[in-house]
Amino acid sequence: MSIDLSQFHQVFFEESFEGLDVMESQLLELIPEEVDAETVNTIFRAAHSI
């Protein structure tokens, strides 16, 4: 049995770009001296989802 994965490409790319946007915004706001756990967790959640 073969599954056509192309049907999932559009959703995967949309969600990946959303995750990248979240990661980018959080990384740009990151201040090394004031890193809080929630910001780091948000970045890692986005990366893990991709």
N, C-alpha and C. Protein backbone atom coordinates (compact mmCIF):
# COMPACT_ATOMS: atom_id res chain seq x y z
N MET A 1 0.85 -1.19 0.00
CA MET A 1 0.00 0.00 0.00
C MET A 1 0.88 1.24 0.00
N SER A 2 0.61 2.13 -0.90
CA SER A 2 1.40 3.35 -1.04
C SER A 2 0.57 4.56 -0.63
N ILE A 3 1.20 5.44 0.13
CA ILE A 3 0.52 6.66 0.57
C ILE A 3 1.11 7.84 -0.19
N ASP A 4 0.25 8.65 -0.76
CA ASP A 4 0.68 9.84 -1.49
C ASP A 4 0.93 10.97 -0.49
N LEU A 5 2.19 11.22 -0.17
CA LEU A 5 2.53 12.24 0.81
C LEU A 5 2.42 13.66 0.27
N SER A 6 2.29 13.80 -1.03
CA SER A 6 2.19 15.14 -1.61
C SER A 6 0.96 15.89 -1.10
N GLN A 7 -0.05 15.17 -0.66
CA GLN A 7 -1.25 15.82 -0.15
C GLN A 7 -0.97 16.59 1.15
N PHE A 8 0.14 16.29 1.81
CA PHE A 8 0.48 16.95 3.07
C PHE A 8 1.49 18.08 2.91
N HIS A 9 2.06 18.23 1.73
CA HIS A 9 3.12 19.22 1.52
C HIS A 9 2.67 20.64 1.87
N GLN A 10 1.53 21.06 1.36
CA GLN A 10 1.08 22.43 1.58
C GLN A 10 0.91 22.74 3.06
N VAL A 11 0.26 21.86 3.79
CA VAL A 11 0.05 22.08 5.22
C VAL A 11 1.38 22.07 5.96
N PHE A 12 2.26 21.15 5.60
CA PHE A 12 3.58 21.09 6.24
C PHE A 12 4.34 22.39 6.05
N PHE A 13 4.37 22.90 4.82
CA PHE A 13 5.10 24.13 4.55
C PHE A 13 4.48 25.33 5.26
N GLU A 14 3.16 25.41 5.28
CA GLU A 14 2.50 26.52 5.97
C GLU A 14 2.84 26.51 7.46
N GLU A 15 2.72 25.34 8.08
CA GLU A 15 3.01 25.25 9.51
C GLU A 15 4.49 25.45 9.81
N SER A 16 5.35 25.00 8.90
CA SER A 16 6.79 25.21 9.08
C SER A 16 7.14 26.69 9.02
N PHE A 17 6.55 27.40 8.06
CA PHE A 17 6.82 28.84 7.96
C PHE A 17 6.31 29.59 9.19
N GLU A 18 5.16 29.16 9.72
CA GLU A 18 4.65 29.78 10.95
C GLU A 18 5.62 29.54 12.10
N GLY A 19 6.13 28.32 12.20
CA GLY A 19 7.10 28.01 13.24
C GLY A 19 8.38 28.82 13.09
N LEU A 20 8.83 28.98 11.86
CA LEU A 20 10.03 29.78 11.62
C LEU A 20 9.79 31.24 11.98
N ASP A 21 8.60 31.75 11.71
CA ASP A 21 8.27 33.13 12.09
C ASP A 21 8.31 33.30 13.61
N VAL A 22 7.77 32.32 14.32
CA VAL A 22 7.78 32.37 15.79
C VAL A 22 9.22 32.33 16.29
N MET A 23 10.01 31.41 15.75
CA MET A 23 11.41 31.30 16.18
C MET A 23 12.17 32.59 15.91
N GLU A 24 11.98 33.15 14.72
CA GLU A 24 12.68 34.38 14.36
C GLU A 24 12.32 35.53 15.29
N SER A 25 11.03 35.71 15.54
CA SER A 25 10.62 36.83 16.39
C SER A 25 11.14 36.67 17.82
N GLN A 26 11.12 35.43 18.34
CA GLN A 26 11.60 35.20 19.69
C GLN A 26 13.12 35.37 19.78
N LEU A 27 13.83 34.90 18.76
CA LEU A 27 15.28 35.04 18.76
C LEU A 27 15.71 36.50 18.64
N LEU A 28 14.97 37.28 17.85
CA LEU A 28 15.32 38.69 17.69
C LEU A 28 15.05 39.49 18.97
N GLU A 29 14.08 39.04 19.76
CA GLU A 29 13.76 39.73 21.01
C GLU A 29 14.61 39.24 22.18
N LEU A 30 15.37 38.19 21.96
CA LEU A 30 16.16 37.57 23.02
C LEU A 30 17.30 38.48 23.46
N ILE A 31 17.38 38.69 24.75
CA ILE A 31 18.46 39.47 25.35
C ILE A 31 19.27 38.49 26.20
N PRO A 32 20.51 38.23 25.82
CA PRO A 32 21.30 37.18 26.50
C PRO A 32 21.34 37.32 28.03
N GLU A 33 21.39 38.52 28.54
CA GLU A 33 21.48 38.71 29.99
C GLU A 33 20.14 38.49 30.69
N GLU A 34 19.06 38.45 29.92
CA GLU A 34 17.73 38.37 30.52
C GLU A 34 16.90 37.22 29.93
N VAL A 35 17.54 36.11 29.63
CA VAL A 35 16.85 34.98 29.03
C VAL A 35 15.91 34.35 30.06
N ASP A 36 14.65 34.19 29.66
CA ASP A 36 13.71 33.52 30.55
C ASP A 36 13.33 32.17 29.95
N ALA A 37 12.93 31.26 30.79
CA ALA A 37 12.65 29.89 30.37
C ALA A 37 11.51 29.83 29.36
N GLU A 38 10.51 30.67 29.50
CA GLU A 38 9.36 30.62 28.58
C GLU A 38 9.77 30.97 27.15
N THR A 39 10.65 31.95 26.98
CA THR A 39 11.12 32.32 25.64
C THR A 39 11.89 31.16 25.01
N VAL A 40 12.77 30.55 25.78
CA VAL A 40 13.55 29.41 25.28
C VAL A 40 12.61 28.25 24.94
N ASN A 41 11.63 28.00 25.79
CA ASN A 41 10.67 26.92 25.52
C ASN A 41 9.87 27.19 24.25
N THR A 42 9.48 28.43 24.03
CA THR A 42 8.74 28.79 22.82
C THR A 42 9.58 28.51 21.57
N ILE A 43 10.85 28.86 21.61
CA ILE A 43 11.75 28.62 20.48
C ILE A 43 11.89 27.12 20.23
N PHE A 44 12.12 26.37 21.29
CA PHE A 44 12.29 24.93 21.12
C PHE A 44 11.01 24.22 20.69
N ARG A 45 9.85 24.69 21.17
CA ARG A 45 8.59 24.09 20.72
C ARG A 45 8.39 24.28 19.23
N ALA A 46 8.70 25.49 18.75
CA ALA A 46 8.57 25.75 17.31
C ALA A 46 9.51 24.88 16.51
N ALA A 47 10.76 24.78 16.96
CA ALA A 47 11.74 23.94 16.25
C ALA A 47 11.32 22.47 16.28
N HIS A 48 10.84 22.02 17.40
CA HIS A 48 10.43 20.62 17.53
C HIS A 48 9.23 20.31 16.63
N SER A 49 8.32 21.24 16.50
CA SER A 49 7.14 21.02 15.66
C SER A 49 7.51 20.88 14.19
N ILE A 50 8.55 21.59 13.79
CA ILE A 50 8.99 21.50 12.39
C ILE A 50 9.64 20.14 12.17
